[in-house]
Amino acid sequence: MQSILLSREEVGRRAKELYENSIRQQVEREENIGKMVIIDIETGEYAIDKTGLESARYLRNKNPLARLYGIRIGYKIAVSFSGFLERDSQ
């Protein structure tokens, strides 16, 4: 199956839409705050772990051509080079 080329912006938009509409309610629990959720933007399937690496491997094993996007649960950004991550107010 040939996949359609998407821009980074479109991949991000789709992932954030999936997160806000269906995933956030399921994963934003105290024990998950700070963990990474990796989302397959085409299937809506997701997986969670501390760094996102195991989740990405898991989803890639299921679908080698998956388009994956990572979101840090409870934070506005996934990583910071300055050492400060701002919490999401929701």
C-alpha atoms as a PDB file:
ATOM      1  CA  MET A   1       0.000   0.000   0.000  1.00  0.00           C
ATOM      2  CA  GLN A   2       1.426   3.347  -1.040  1.00  0.00           C
ATOM      3  CA  SER A   3       1.195   6.101   1.532  1.00  0.00           C
ATOM      4  CA  ILE A   4       0.415   9.752   0.916  1.00  0.00           C
ATOM      5  CA  LEU A   5       3.170  12.239   1.697  1.00  0.00           C
ATOM      6  CA  LEU A   6       2.200  14.562   4.552  1.00  0.00           C
ATOM      7  CA  SER A   7       3.980  17.640   5.835  1.00  0.00           C
ATOM      8  CA  ARG A   8       5.306  17.744   9.412  1.00  0.00           C
ATOM      9  CA  GLU A   9       2.612  20.266  10.203  1.00  0.00           C
ATOM     10  CA  GLU A  10      -0.158  17.958   8.956  1.00  0.00           C
ATOM     11  CA  VAL A  11       1.218  14.985  10.900  1.00  0.00           C
ATOM     12  CA  GLY A  12       1.323  17.145  14.043  1.00  0.00           C
ATOM     13  CA  ARG A  13      -2.170  18.502  13.464  1.00  0.00           C
ATOM     14  CA  ARG A  14      -3.631  15.020  13.039  1.00  0.00           C
ATOM     15  CA  ALA A  15      -1.843  13.675  16.118  1.00  0.00           C
ATOM     16  CA  LYS A  16      -2.961  16.574  18.307  1.00  0.00           C
ATOM     17  CA  GLU A  17      -6.528  16.189  17.064  1.00  0.00           C
ATOM     18  CA  LEU A  18      -6.507  12.474  17.931  1.00  0.00           C
ATOM     19  CA  TYR A  19      -4.993  13.222  21.329  1.00  0.00           C
ATOM     20  CA  GLU A  20      -7.516  15.920  22.212  1.00  0.00           C
ATOM     21  CA  ASN A  21     -10.587  14.074  20.884  1.00  0.00           C
ATOM     22  CA  SER A  22     -10.031  10.519  22.072  1.00  0.00           C
ATOM     23  CA  ILE A  23      -6.715   9.739  23.752  1.00  0.00           C
ATOM     24  CA  ARG A  24      -6.282  12.467  26.389  1.00  0.00           C
ATOM     25  CA  GLN A  25      -9.250  11.344  28.523  1.00  0.00           C
ATOM     26  CA  GLN A  26      -7.824   7.821  28.673  1.00  0.00           C
ATOM     27  CA  VAL A  27      -4.171   8.580  29.443  1.00  0.00           C
ATOM     28  CA  GLU A  28      -3.984  11.757  31.535  1.00  0.00           C
ATOM     29  CA  ARG A  29      -3.791  10.137  34.948  1.00  0.00           C
ATOM     30  CA  GLU A  30      -1.332  10.963  37.708  1.00  0.00           C
ATOM     31  CA  GLU A  31       0.731   7.812  37.072  1.00  0.00           C
ATOM     32  CA  ASN A  32       1.215   8.791  33.401  1.00  0.00           C
ATOM     33  CA  ILE A  33       2.168  12.469  33.824  1.00  0.00           C
ATOM     34  CA  GLY A  34       5.578  12.988  32.212  1.00  0.00           C
ATOM     35  CA  LYS A  35       5.480   9.792  30.164  1.00  0.00           C
ATOM     36  CA  MET A  36       5.389   9.784  26.364  1.00  0.00           C
ATOM     37  CA  VAL A  37       2.388   8.699  24.348  1.00  0.00           C
ATOM     38  CA  ILE A  38       3.271   7.688  20.792  1.00  0.00           C
ATOM     39  CA  ILE A  39       0.400   7.907  18.319  1.00  0.00           C
ATOM     40  CA  ASP A  40       0.011   6.229  14.934  1.00  0.00           C
ATOM     41  CA  ILE A  41      -1.785   9.057  13.149  1.00  0.00           C
ATOM     42  CA  GLU A  42      -3.339   6.784  10.546  1.00  0.00           C
ATOM     43  CA  THR A  43      -4.896   4.184  12.847  1.00  0.00           C
ATOM     44  CA  GLY A  44      -5.279   6.178  16.064  1.00  0.00           C
ATOM     45  CA  GLU A  45      -3.515   3.404  17.955  1.00  0.00           C
ATOM     46  CA  TYR A  46      -1.169   4.565  20.707  1.00  0.00           C
ATOM     47  CA  ALA A  47       1.232   3.254  23.325  1.00  0.00           C
ATOM     48  CA  ILE A  48       2.789   4.790  26.450  1.00  0.00           C
ATOM     49  CA  ASP A  49       6.172   4.445  28.128  1.00  0.00           C
ATOM     50  CA  LYS A  50       8.705   6.620  29.929  1.00  0.00           C
ATOM     51  CA  THR A  51      10.738   7.771  26.905  1.00  0.00           C
ATOM     52  CA  GLY A  52       8.593   6.748  23.940  1.00  0.00           C
ATOM     53  CA  LEU A  53      11.210   4.406  22.491  1.00  0.00           C
ATOM     54  CA  GLU A  54       9.515   1.145  23.457  1.00  0.00           C
ATOM     55  CA  SER A  55       6.143   2.483  22.324  1.00  0.00           C
ATOM     56  CA  ALA A  56       7.562   3.495  18.948  1.00  0.00           C
ATOM     57  CA  ARG A  57       9.156   0.051  18.517  1.00  0.00           C
ATOM     58  CA  TYR A  58       5.895  -1.644  19.451  1.00  0.00           C
ATOM     59  CA  LEU A  59       3.860   0.397  16.950  1.00  0.00           C
ATOM     60  CA  ARG A  60       6.517  -0.008  14.210  1.00  0.00           C
ATOM     61  CA  ASN A  61       6.467  -3.784  14.685  1.00  0.00           C
ATOM     62  CA  LYS A  62       2.719  -3.749  14.121  1.00  0.00           C
ATOM     63  CA  ASN A  63       2.975  -1.427  11.118  1.00  0.00           C
ATOM     64  CA  PRO A  64       6.466  -0.715   9.697  1.00  0.00           C
ATOM     65  CA  LEU A  65       5.150   2.235   7.652  1.00  0.00           C
ATOM     66  CA  ALA A  66       3.315   3.877  10.555  1.00  0.00           C
ATOM     67  CA  ARG A  67       3.502   7.642  10.898  1.00  0.00           C
ATOM     68  CA  LEU A  68       4.235   8.206  14.545  1.00  0.00           C
ATOM     69  CA  TYR A  69       4.017  11.321  16.680  1.00  0.00           C
ATOM     70  CA  GLY A  70       4.997  11.710  20.334  1.00  0.00           C
ATOM     71  CA  ILE A  71       3.350  13.840  23.009  1.00  0.00           C
ATOM     72  CA  ARG A  72       4.551  14.157  26.627  1.00  0.00           C
ATOM     73  CA  ILE A  73       1.501  13.569  28.808  1.00  0.00           C
ATOM     74  CA  GLY A  74       0.586  16.604  30.900  1.00  0.00           C
ATOM     75  CA  TYR A  75       3.109  18.952  29.270  1.00  0.00           C
ATOM     76  CA  LYS A  76       2.977  21.553  26.504  1.00  0.00           C
ATOM     77  CA  ILE A  77       6.128  20.225  24.818  1.00  0.00           C
ATOM     78  CA  ALA A  78       7.788  16.824  24.572  1.00  0.00           C
ATOM     79  CA  VAL A  79      11.431  17.831  25.162  1.00  0.00           C
ATOM     80  CA  SER A  80      13.409  20.876  26.193  1.00  0.00           C
ATOM     81  CA  PHE A  81      17.023  21.716  25.525  1.00  0.00           C
ATOM     82  CA  SER A  82      17.002  24.386  28.240  1.00  0.00           C
ATOM     83  CA  GLY A  83      15.954  21.917  30.932  1.00  0.00           C
ATOM     84  CA  PHE A  84      12.494  23.388  31.638  1.00  0.00           C
ATOM     85  CA  LEU A  85       9.229  21.732  30.635  1.00  0.00           C
ATOM     86  CA  GLU A  86       6.057  23.770  31.117  1.00  0.00           C
ATOM     87  CA  ARG A  87       3.062  21.814  32.452  1.00  0.00           C
ATOM     88  CA  ASP A  88      -0.199  21.897  30.550  1.00  0.00           C
ATOM     89  CA  SER A  89      -2.888  23.617  32.590  1.00  0.00           C
ATOM     90  CA  GLN A  90      -5.637  21.162  31.630  1.00  0.00           C
END
